[in-house]
Structure formats: structure tokens, C-alpha cells
């Protein structure tokens, strides 16, 4: 049997509305690190996403043979493991990505499984598969984003101090939300739903007129917190967009490298800037309603949202030590680490490994499912059984089920991320869901 370690060639998407340009894009730099079908970085072109996995929209390929990873795992069930193949057939249950975000990336949510099946059947052009899409974001450079609805007290305060916002939401909806925020409403989510739905259904000409007033307040520094700068910046990217007003409804989040957040299906969010590792159920379904030139589905978005309204910290995913990796003495003494990001779903978990000294090693026990490893900094070696390969910044490997993996550093800062799936496996049994 072939040793289950395959170096992958992964595709990079270019979107005018989102990606960083040229070598400023981590997605582009990582894609260019592996020889591919004529891919080379153009400095004036935006690059948004590096895809790693078997999703049919952009499946990864085995670098040696050129065969798609989807074909390879279809032909060799042992690479996936019995449990994964039985439940998910011959495709990875997760999609692993690097995103490089230059400007605001869609006010959006992802459908749950039942809704995804319905939307795909009704509109396969705009909803290309029938799967749900819970996802996790881990920052690799400083990141800004919007994540979930703010506490009602914060939204109510904005409605009372930012007149253009109150004008779009409507006085009645604003008063109902204020009552909900003070605890006198029996149904806070209903009040939030009505206020947000009223905002999102505002006619475009009214939004344009009120956005001029909002941008004027921003230019004069009359908006709270960081919102003056944020409104000005986002208006430069998407002039007079409804998203300028959505900023006041959603939590504004900053993540430092290594910090993470988890977004379950039907949670509203948007990305603003930065480079991130993203892992999700294997789907490309997005319900959009702002900050995008793409198809928008306002009615579906406003109908399906959870309307949870909590501080952003509630959606932070706090990593824990990964219990099934062993650092050697050099790695242990140098402060190296191996951290697990384990959301409360079975389709994926991610391990971030930092090896800090030349020669530092980390040995991973075999797991029952498949995994994908990308190096985001430094260089080293990766070994599976008798097979040892170099691994450098941007290089991506697939590791088959049950394989023990050894990583060894060749420098001071060797960083890898490993996405994997293991149904009912040792990770979830040992740790359970955490942080989300």
C-alpha cells in the first residue's frame, strides 16, 4: 500500500472584491510555493482564497501524479478511514482554506443542513451544494471582523445616538428594541429580528441618502468607539451600502495571530481585513446581504438568523493543549507548543504546532480519519512511516487515516496547521467541545 503522505497542489481564487494584491496575499504566496498549472503571482491582481480539500469547485491535486485528491480517496478508502468513508462517502468532510482579506467580505450567514438541501434544490446556481457550513477562523496576521449581534443594550444605545441609523430601523422598531434591552420585553429575539429586518429591507435610494448623513458624522468623529474610522473605510470600499448600518448591529472583533472564533450555521458575520486559516464543513453555500457585488438574498438571511445577541467573547474558541502529540526535549525546553482548536461539531478540528528551535520535533499519534497540513512559517521535515519529505512555507500535505506523523523544525519559527476529522474519536472523547 502507498505510504499515506501526499504533497498537494492547491488552487487559489482571485476575487476583485476581496483579496489582497500580489505578494501581500498569504493565499497567493502559499499557492505560489508549489509548482502548479502556470500559476504565478501578478502584483496588481487580488488573491483571496487558497482551497485545500476535495470540494468539487476547486479540488486539490496530488503534486506527483496530477490526480485530484477526490479521485485518490475515492479509489483508496483506507486513506479516509472506515468511519469517515461510511458516513461521508469518498470526500473529505471539511474544507480547509487560507483567506487573505483586503476589504469587507460579505455580510453573510451559512445555512443549516436542512435549509442547505432546500436552497440547493431551488437555486443550485447560487447555492451550489446541499451541505451546511459551520466554520472556524484562526488568525495568522492581525484580523478584523464582525461576529454575531451585539448585546441589545449596545444596539439600543446606537439607535438613540445615531439618527441616520434610527431613521432606517424605524422609530417603532427602535422603541421595541429599547424595551427588550431593558428587560421589559418578553421576546428580545423577536424585537431584534424586527429591527434588523426593517433595516435590511430599506429601499436603496433611502439607504444612499442616509449613508451620506452617516458618513458625514463619521468624518466629524461623532460616532462611538472605532466606528467613525470603520464607517469611513467601508464606505470607500462599498459606497452607500446597507452594510454601513449593519456595523452598528454586529460585534466588531479583532483577533491576534493564534486567536480564533467559531461560527455555527445561521450565525451572522463578515470579515473586514487580515489573513486567516479557515476550516469549515465541505460546502460553498453563503447567504449574503451586504458588502458584496454577488447575489444577495435578504429575505432568506433575515429569516434564518439565530438572533443570539451576546458579547463577541462568547464566540471566541479558546485552544487547549493537544493531548495526542509528544514534543521532544528540545521542543519542550524551547517553549514550543501544540494547540487544539476543537469546535462542537465532528466534521473538523485544527491543531496548530509551533516548533521554536532547529531540530525540535513533535510526534503525533495516528488518528482514525484523514488530515491536511499546511506550513505557514519556516521550514522543516514531515515523516510518515519510512517516508520523509521537506515542508516549507506554503507547502501542503495530505495525511491518510491512522498514520503517525513526525514534524521536525529547521529553524526558529516553524508553524503548521493541521485540519482533521475523527468521528467519535480520541480528541472529542478527551476534551469535548470548548470555548464556543
Protein backbone atom coordinates (compact mmCIF):
# COMPACT_ATOMS: atom_id res chain seq x y z
CA UNK A 1 0.00 0.00 0.00
CA UNK A 2 1.17 3.53 -0.78
CA UNK A 3 2.53 5.46 2.23
CA UNK A 4 -0.33 7.84 3.12
CA UNK A 5 1.61 11.10 2.73
CA UNK A 6 0.88 13.14 -0.40
CA UNK A 7 2.10 16.62 -1.23
CA UNK A 8 -0.76 18.66 -2.66
CA UNK A 9 -1.14 21.32 -5.29
CA UNK A 10 -3.94 23.66 -4.19
CA UNK A 11 -5.90 26.23 -6.16
CA UNK A 12 -6.09 29.94 -5.38
CA UNK A 13 -9.19 32.02 -6.13
CA UNK A 14 -8.93 35.61 -7.31
CA UNK A 15 -11.81 37.93 -6.41
CA UNK A 16 -11.70 41.63 -7.26
CA UNK A 17 -13.92 42.42 -4.29
CA UNK A 18 -11.96 40.75 -1.54
CA UNK A 19 -8.39 39.58 -1.96
CA UNK A 20 -5.10 41.21 -1.11
CA UNK A 21 -2.97 42.09 -4.12
CA UNK A 22 0.12 40.27 -5.25
CA UNK A 23 2.60 39.07 -2.66
CA UNK A 24 0.69 40.87 0.10
CA UNK A 25 -1.74 37.95 -0.08
CA UNK A 26 -0.79 34.97 2.08
CA UNK A 27 -3.13 32.84 -0.05
CA UNK A 28 -1.15 33.77 -3.17
CA UNK A 29 2.26 33.28 -1.55
CA UNK A 30 1.32 29.83 -0.30
CA UNK A 31 -0.15 28.85 -3.68
CA UNK A 32 2.99 30.02 -5.49
CA UNK A 33 5.20 27.92 -3.21
CA UNK A 34 4.07 24.76 -5.01
CA UNK A 35 4.52 24.28 -8.77
CA UNK A 36 1.12 24.44 -10.45
CA UNK A 37 -0.59 24.89 -13.79
CA UNK A 38 1.14 28.11 -14.79
CA UNK A 39 0.26 29.95 -11.56
CA UNK A 40 2.44 32.95 -10.85
CA UNK A 41 1.69 35.98 -8.72
CA UNK A 42 0.74 39.18 -10.55
CA UNK A 43 1.36 42.18 -8.33
CA UNK A 44 -1.74 44.09 -9.47
CA UNK A 45 -4.11 41.11 -9.10
CA UNK A 46 -6.12 40.33 -5.93
CA UNK A 47 -5.88 36.83 -4.44
CA UNK A 48 -8.46 35.85 -1.85
CA UNK A 49 -8.57 32.12 -1.03
CA UNK A 50 -6.37 29.02 -1.09
CA UNK A 51 -8.57 25.90 -1.03
CA UNK A 52 -7.31 22.60 0.43
CA UNK A 53 -9.58 19.60 0.11
CA UNK A 54 -11.91 17.64 -2.16
CA UNK A 55 -14.68 20.18 -2.79
CA UNK A 56 -15.56 19.82 -6.49
CA UNK A 57 -15.41 23.59 -7.12
CA UNK A 58 -11.63 23.59 -6.61
CA UNK A 59 -10.27 20.16 -5.61
CA UNK A 60 -6.64 19.79 -4.60
CA UNK A 61 -4.31 17.57 -6.64
CA UNK A 62 -1.50 15.17 -5.86
CA UNK A 63 1.61 17.09 -6.94
CA UNK A 64 3.39 13.96 -8.20
CA UNK A 65 0.65 12.42 -10.35
CA UNK A 66 -1.67 15.37 -11.03
CA UNK A 67 -4.68 13.31 -9.94
CA UNK A 68 -7.32 15.07 -7.89
CA UNK A 69 -7.41 14.30 -4.21
CA UNK A 70 -11.10 13.45 -4.63
CA UNK A 71 -10.21 10.70 -7.11
CA UNK A 72 -7.41 9.38 -4.93
CA UNK A 73 -9.50 8.99 -1.79
CA UNK A 74 -12.37 7.58 -3.85
CA UNK A 75 -10.10 4.84 -5.13
CA UNK A 76 -8.49 4.10 -1.75
CA UNK A 77 -10.94 4.07 1.17
CA UNK A 78 -8.08 3.31 3.59
CA UNK A 79 -6.83 6.89 3.15
CA UNK A 80 -10.09 8.17 4.64
CA UNK A 81 -10.67 5.52 7.29
CA UNK A 82 -13.69 3.25 7.67
CA UNK A 83 -15.81 5.55 9.86
CA UNK A 84 -15.32 8.61 7.65
CA UNK A 85 -16.00 6.69 4.44
CA UNK A 86 -19.13 5.12 5.92
CA UNK A 87 -20.61 8.48 6.88
CA UNK A 88 -19.26 10.90 4.28
CA UNK A 89 -18.55 8.61 1.35
CA UNK A 90 -15.42 9.36 -0.66
CA UNK A 91 -14.90 13.04 0.13
CA UNK A 92 -13.36 14.98 2.97
CA UNK A 93 -16.00 16.22 5.41
CA UNK A 94 -14.13 19.51 5.80
CA UNK A 95 -12.76 22.25 3.53
CA UNK A 96 -9.52 23.89 4.69
CA UNK A 97 -8.67 27.40 3.47
CA UNK A 98 -6.32 30.34 3.75
CA UNK A 99 -8.14 33.66 3.29
CA UNK A 100 -6.43 36.98 2.58
CA UNK A 101 -8.89 39.81 3.10
CA UNK A 102 -8.22 43.27 1.71
CA UNK A 103 -11.70 44.72 2.13
CA UNK A 104 -15.00 43.82 3.73
CA UNK A 105 -16.07 40.31 2.78
CA UNK A 106 -19.87 39.91 2.62
CA UNK A 107 -22.34 40.30 5.46
CA UNK A 108 -23.43 36.70 5.49
CA UNK A 109 -24.57 33.53 7.18
CA UNK A 110 -24.36 29.88 6.19
CA UNK A 111 -27.45 27.66 6.10
CA UNK A 112 -28.05 24.72 8.38
CA UNK A 113 -28.21 21.28 6.78
CA UNK A 114 -31.98 21.19 6.23
CA UNK A 115 -32.07 24.67 4.70
CA UNK A 116 -29.00 23.95 2.55
CA UNK A 117 -30.80 20.99 0.99
CA UNK A 118 -33.84 23.16 0.28
CA UNK A 119 -31.87 26.11 -1.15
CA UNK A 120 -29.73 23.85 -3.34
CA UNK A 121 -32.82 22.18 -4.80
CA UNK A 122 -34.48 25.53 -5.51
CA UNK A 123 -31.45 27.53 -6.69
CA UNK A 124 -28.36 25.41 -7.45
CA UNK A 125 -26.66 28.33 -9.21
CA UNK A 126 -26.44 30.44 -6.06
CA UNK A 127 -26.38 27.55 -3.55
CA UNK A 128 -24.03 25.02 -5.19
CA UNK A 129 -24.30 22.13 -2.73
CA UNK A 130 -26.66 20.67 -0.15
CA UNK A 131 -24.40 20.81 2.90
CA UNK A 132 -24.33 23.06 5.94
CA UNK A 133 -21.29 25.23 6.63
CA UNK A 134 -20.29 25.79 10.25
CA UNK A 135 -16.81 27.30 10.21
CA UNK A 136 -13.84 28.28 12.34
CA UNK A 137 -11.45 31.20 11.84
CA UNK A 138 -7.88 31.29 13.21
CA UNK A 139 -5.86 34.48 12.66
CA UNK A 140 -2.39 34.21 11.12
CA UNK A 141 -1.99 38.00 10.89
CA UNK A 142 -3.97 40.66 12.82
CA UNK A 143 -7.61 40.22 11.82
CA UNK A 144 -10.76 42.35 11.90
CA UNK A 145 -14.27 41.03 11.52
CA UNK A 146 -17.90 41.22 12.51
CA UNK A 147 -19.24 38.32 14.55
CA UNK A 148 -22.80 37.89 15.81
CA UNK A 149 -25.23 40.51 17.07
CA UNK A 150 -24.09 42.91 19.78
CA UNK A 151 -25.81 42.86 23.17
CA UNK A 152 -29.15 44.66 22.86
CA UNK A 153 -28.05 47.44 25.19
CA UNK A 154 -25.28 48.42 22.75
CA UNK A 155 -27.58 48.36 19.72
CA UNK A 156 -30.19 50.38 21.59
CA UNK A 157 -27.56 52.97 22.53
CA UNK A 158 -26.61 53.36 18.87
CA UNK A 159 -30.26 53.73 17.88
CA UNK A 160 -30.58 56.57 20.39
CA UNK A 161 -27.41 58.40 19.33
CA UNK A 162 -27.03 57.78 15.57
CA UNK A 163 -30.03 59.40 13.89
CA UNK A 164 -29.49 58.05 10.33
CA UNK A 165 -29.48 54.52 11.79
CA UNK A 166 -32.69 55.11 13.74
CA UNK A 167 -34.33 56.57 10.64
CA UNK A 168 -33.72 53.34 8.70
CA UNK A 169 -34.72 50.99 11.51
CA UNK A 170 -37.88 52.96 12.23
CA UNK A 171 -38.99 54.58 15.47
CA UNK A 172 -41.40 51.80 16.44
CA UNK A 173 -38.80 49.05 15.93
CA UNK A 174 -36.21 51.12 17.80
CA UNK A 175 -38.53 51.59 20.80
CA UNK A 176 -39.37 47.88 20.90
CA UNK A 177 -35.68 47.02 20.87
CA UNK A 178 -35.05 49.52 23.67
CA UNK A 179 -37.78 47.84 25.75
CA UNK A 180 -36.20 44.45 25.06
CA UNK A 181 -32.80 45.79 26.12
CA UNK A 182 -34.15 46.95 29.49
CA UNK A 183 -35.84 43.64 30.16
CA UNK A 184 -39.44 44.73 29.71
CA UNK A 185 -39.96 42.71 26.53
CA UNK A 186 -40.96 39.05 26.68
CA UNK A 187 -39.25 38.27 23.39
CA UNK A 188 -35.92 40.00 22.87
CA UNK A 189 -35.08 37.96 19.77
CA UNK A 190 -38.36 38.99 18.14
CA UNK A 191 -37.57 42.66 18.76
CA UNK A 192 -34.08 42.25 17.31
CA UNK A 193 -35.44 40.35 14.31
CA UNK A 194 -38.00 43.10 13.58
CA UNK A 195 -35.43 45.90 13.89
CA UNK A 196 -32.82 44.15 11.74
CA UNK A 197 -35.35 43.03 9.12
CA UNK A 198 -36.69 46.58 8.90
CA UNK A 199 -33.17 47.87 8.33
CA UNK A 200 -32.28 45.28 5.70
CA UNK A 201 -35.44 45.90 3.67
CA UNK A 202 -34.90 49.66 3.36
CA UNK A 203 -35.12 50.88 -0.27
CA UNK A 204 -31.71 51.55 -1.83
CA UNK A 205 -32.37 55.22 -2.52
CA UNK A 206 -33.21 55.77 1.16
CA UNK A 207 -30.07 53.90 2.21
CA UNK A 208 -28.00 56.08 -0.11
CA UNK A 209 -29.44 59.30 1.31
CA UNK A 210 -28.98 58.26 4.93
CA UNK A 211 -25.49 56.92 4.27
CA UNK A 212 -24.39 60.42 3.28
CA UNK A 213 -25.53 61.67 6.68
CA UNK A 214 -23.81 58.73 8.40
CA UNK A 215 -20.51 59.29 6.57
CA UNK A 216 -20.70 62.98 7.48
CA UNK A 217 -20.98 62.04 11.17
CA UNK A 218 -18.03 59.68 10.74
CA UNK A 219 -15.87 62.34 9.07
CA UNK A 220 -16.54 64.63 12.03
CA UNK A 221 -15.62 61.89 14.51
CA UNK A 222 -19.10 61.88 16.00
CA UNK A 223 -19.67 58.13 16.05
CA UNK A 224 -18.87 55.96 19.09
CA UNK A 225 -15.83 53.76 19.66
CA UNK A 226 -13.95 52.76 16.48
CA UNK A 227 -16.97 53.22 14.23
CA UNK A 228 -16.01 56.57 12.68
CA UNK A 229 -12.92 55.05 11.08
CA UNK A 230 -14.72 51.82 10.20
CA UNK A 231 -17.66 53.56 8.52
CA UNK A 232 -15.29 55.78 6.52
CA UNK A 233 -13.15 52.83 5.41
CA UNK A 234 -16.07 50.59 4.47
CA UNK A 235 -17.80 53.41 2.59
CA UNK A 236 -14.65 53.78 0.50
CA UNK A 237 -14.93 50.10 -0.40
CA UNK A 238 -18.73 49.85 -0.80
CA UNK A 239 -20.20 53.36 -1.10
CA UNK A 240 -23.72 53.84 0.29
CA UNK A 241 -24.05 50.13 1.14
CA UNK A 242 -26.53 48.84 3.71
CA UNK A 243 -23.54 47.23 5.41
CA UNK A 244 -22.52 50.63 6.78
CA UNK A 245 -25.54 50.45 9.07
CA UNK A 246 -25.16 46.76 9.86
CA UNK A 247 -21.86 47.70 11.55
CA UNK A 248 -23.91 49.05 14.46
CA UNK A 249 -25.75 45.75 14.93
CA UNK A 250 -22.80 43.34 14.90
CA UNK A 251 -19.88 42.80 17.27
CA UNK A 252 -16.63 44.32 15.95
CA UNK A 253 -13.85 41.77 16.60
CA UNK A 254 -10.06 41.98 16.50
CA UNK A 255 -8.03 38.77 16.65
CA UNK A 256 -4.28 38.49 17.16
CA UNK A 257 -2.39 35.64 15.47
CA UNK A 258 -3.44 32.35 17.05
CA UNK A 259 -6.79 33.63 18.33
CA UNK A 260 -9.90 32.00 16.90
CA UNK A 261 -13.68 32.20 16.69
CA UNK A 262 -16.29 29.62 15.79
CA UNK A 263 -19.41 30.38 13.75
CA UNK A 264 -22.20 27.84 13.77
CA UNK A 265 -24.72 27.62 10.94
CA UNK A 266 -27.16 30.56 10.86
CA UNK A 267 -24.75 32.94 12.67
CA UNK A 268 -24.30 36.33 11.00
CA UNK A 269 -20.75 37.53 10.36
CA UNK A 270 -18.44 39.36 7.97
CA UNK A 271 -14.67 39.59 7.55
CA UNK A 272 -13.00 43.00 7.20
CA UNK A 273 -9.22 42.55 6.96
CA UNK A 274 -6.35 40.18 7.66
CA UNK A 275 -5.05 36.72 6.79
CA UNK A 276 -6.70 33.71 8.38
CA UNK A 277 -6.80 29.95 8.45
CA UNK A 278 -10.40 28.87 7.94
CA UNK A 279 -11.88 25.41 8.34
CA UNK A 280 -15.49 24.53 7.61
CA UNK A 281 -17.81 21.73 6.67
CA UNK A 282 -17.26 20.96 2.99
CA UNK A 283 -19.63 23.49 1.45
CA UNK A 284 -19.64 26.68 -0.59
CA UNK A 285 -23.09 27.89 0.49
CA UNK A 286 -23.28 31.55 1.50
CA UNK A 287 -26.39 33.68 2.14
CA UNK A 288 -25.29 37.27 1.50
CA UNK A 289 -26.91 40.64 2.17
CA UNK A 290 -24.38 43.47 2.05
CA UNK A 291 -20.77 44.47 1.28
CA UNK A 292 -20.78 42.38 -1.90
CA UNK A 293 -21.46 42.64 -5.64
CA UNK A 294 -22.58 39.00 -5.59
CA UNK A 295 -26.10 37.60 -5.37
CA UNK A 296 -27.91 38.84 -2.25
CA UNK A 297 -30.77 37.02 -0.54
CA UNK A 298 -32.02 39.42 2.12
CA UNK A 299 -35.28 37.61 2.85
CA UNK A 300 -33.58 34.27 3.49
CA UNK A 301 -30.87 35.86 5.63
CA UNK A 302 -33.27 37.73 7.89
CA UNK A 303 -35.50 34.67 8.26
CA UNK A 304 -32.85 32.13 9.27
CA UNK A 305 -30.55 34.01 11.66
CA UNK A 306 -30.32 32.82 15.26
CA UNK A 307 -30.66 36.39 16.59
CA UNK A 308 -28.43 35.49 19.51
CA UNK A 309 -27.09 38.75 20.97
CA UNK A 310 -24.06 38.33 23.17
CA UNK A 311 -20.60 39.86 23.52
CA UNK A 312 -18.10 38.71 20.90
CA UNK A 313 -16.12 36.83 23.57
CA UNK A 314 -18.89 34.22 23.62
CA UNK A 315 -17.88 33.10 20.14
CA UNK A 316 -14.16 33.01 20.80
CA UNK A 317 -12.76 29.49 20.54
CA UNK A 318 -10.02 29.02 23.13
CA UNK A 319 -7.40 26.41 22.20
CA UNK A 320 -6.17 23.73 24.61
CA UNK A 321 -3.06 21.58 24.64
CA UNK A 322 -3.39 18.75 22.13
CA UNK A 323 -3.06 15.55 24.19
CA UNK A 324 -2.06 13.20 21.37
CA UNK A 325 1.20 14.85 20.36
CA UNK A 326 4.56 14.48 22.08
CA UNK A 327 7.18 17.22 21.98
CA UNK A 328 10.78 16.04 22.25
CA UNK A 329 13.12 17.52 24.83
CA UNK A 330 14.45 20.24 22.53
CA UNK A 331 10.96 21.37 21.59
CA UNK A 332 9.71 21.22 25.17
CA UNK A 333 12.60 23.25 26.59
CA UNK A 334 12.34 25.93 23.89
CA UNK A 335 8.69 26.75 24.58
CA UNK A 336 7.27 25.03 21.52
CA UNK A 337 3.57 24.18 21.64
CA UNK A 338 0.87 22.08 20.04
CA UNK A 339 -2.63 23.55 20.45
CA UNK A 340 -6.03 22.09 19.58
CA UNK A 341 -8.96 24.16 18.26
CA UNK A 342 -11.92 21.86 18.74
CA UNK A 343 -15.38 23.24 17.84
CA UNK A 344 -18.54 21.41 18.95
CA UNK A 345 -19.04 19.54 15.67
CA UNK A 346 -17.49 16.35 14.30
CA UNK A 347 -16.57 17.43 10.76
CA UNK A 348 -13.30 19.12 11.72
CA UNK A 349 -10.79 20.16 14.34
CA UNK A 350 -7.49 22.00 13.81
CA UNK A 351 -4.10 21.66 15.53
CA UNK A 352 -1.56 24.50 15.42
CA UNK A 353 2.03 23.40 16.03
CA UNK A 354 4.88 25.82 16.77
CA UNK A 355 8.42 24.41 16.92
CA UNK A 356 10.92 27.03 18.08
CA UNK A 357 14.38 25.53 17.67
CA UNK A 358 16.30 23.81 14.91
CA UNK A 359 15.88 20.08 15.42
CA UNK A 360 12.80 20.37 17.62
CA UNK A 361 10.37 17.51 16.97
CA UNK A 362 6.71 16.73 17.57
CA UNK A 363 5.27 13.23 17.13
CA UNK A 364 1.53 12.82 16.55
CA UNK A 365 -0.29 9.61 17.31
CA UNK A 366 -2.31 8.20 14.42
CA UNK A 367 -5.93 9.27 14.21
CA UNK A 368 -8.80 7.37 12.65
CA UNK A 369 -9.53 9.95 9.94
CA UNK A 370 -7.77 11.95 7.21
CA UNK A 371 -5.96 15.26 7.66
CA UNK A 372 -4.36 18.12 5.72
CA UNK A 373 -1.27 20.00 6.95
CA UNK A 374 -0.06 23.41 5.75
CA UNK A 375 3.13 25.19 6.81
CA UNK A 376 2.56 28.92 7.32
CA UNK A 377 6.03 29.87 8.54
CA UNK A 378 9.56 28.47 8.49
CA UNK A 379 10.62 25.06 7.24
CA UNK A 380 11.25 21.53 8.40
CA UNK A 381 10.60 17.89 7.64
CA UNK A 382 7.45 15.77 7.79
CA UNK A 383 7.65 11.99 8.21
CA UNK A 384 5.04 9.26 7.87
CA UNK A 385 6.43 5.76 8.29
CA UNK A 386 9.57 5.40 6.16
CA UNK A 387 8.72 8.44 4.04
CA UNK A 388 10.30 11.79 4.94
CA UNK A 389 9.71 14.97 2.95
CA UNK A 390 10.71 18.61 3.21
CA UNK A 391 7.98 21.03 4.22
CA UNK A 392 8.27 24.81 3.77
CA UNK A 393 6.06 27.89 3.98
CA UNK A 394 3.04 27.31 1.76
CA UNK A 395 3.60 23.59 1.24
CA UNK A 396 0.54 21.40 1.84
CA UNK A 397 0.35 17.68 2.59
CA UNK A 398 -2.47 15.15 2.86
CA UNK A 399 -2.06 12.50 5.56
CA UNK A 400 -4.09 9.31 5.40
CA UNK A 401 -6.02 7.78 8.30
CA UNK A 402 -4.17 6.02 11.17
CA UNK A 403 -0.73 7.36 10.14
CA UNK A 404 1.69 8.54 12.81
CA UNK A 405 3.21 11.89 11.82
CA UNK A 406 6.50 13.45 12.91
CA UNK A 407 7.31 17.13 12.34
CA UNK A 408 10.88 18.45 12.75
CA UNK A 409 11.94 22.10 12.61
CA UNK A 410 14.80 23.50 10.54
CA UNK A 411 14.73 26.95 12.13
CA UNK A 412 13.50 29.18 14.92
CA UNK A 413 9.81 29.52 13.99
CA UNK A 414 8.28 26.52 12.24
CA UNK A 415 4.46 26.78 12.23
CA UNK A 416 1.94 24.32 10.81
CA UNK A 417 -1.83 23.96 10.90
CA UNK A 418 -3.42 20.51 10.63
CA UNK A 419 -7.13 20.04 9.91
CA UNK A 420 -8.57 16.60 10.59
CA UNK A 421 -11.77 14.65 11.15
CA UNK A 422 -12.27 11.75 13.51
CA UNK A 423 -15.80 10.55 14.29
CA UNK A 424 -16.29 9.92 18.00
CA UNK A 425 -12.52 9.81 18.28
CA UNK A 426 -9.94 10.39 20.96
CA UNK A 427 -9.91 14.19 20.74
CA UNK A 428 -13.59 14.70 21.41
CA UNK A 429 -13.68 11.94 23.98
CA UNK A 430 -10.78 13.51 25.87
CA UNK A 431 -11.70 17.17 25.61
CA UNK A 432 -15.25 17.67 24.40
CA UNK A 433 -16.22 20.96 22.79
CA UNK A 434 -14.54 24.02 24.26
CA UNK A 435 -14.77 27.74 24.18
CA UNK A 436 -17.61 28.31 21.68
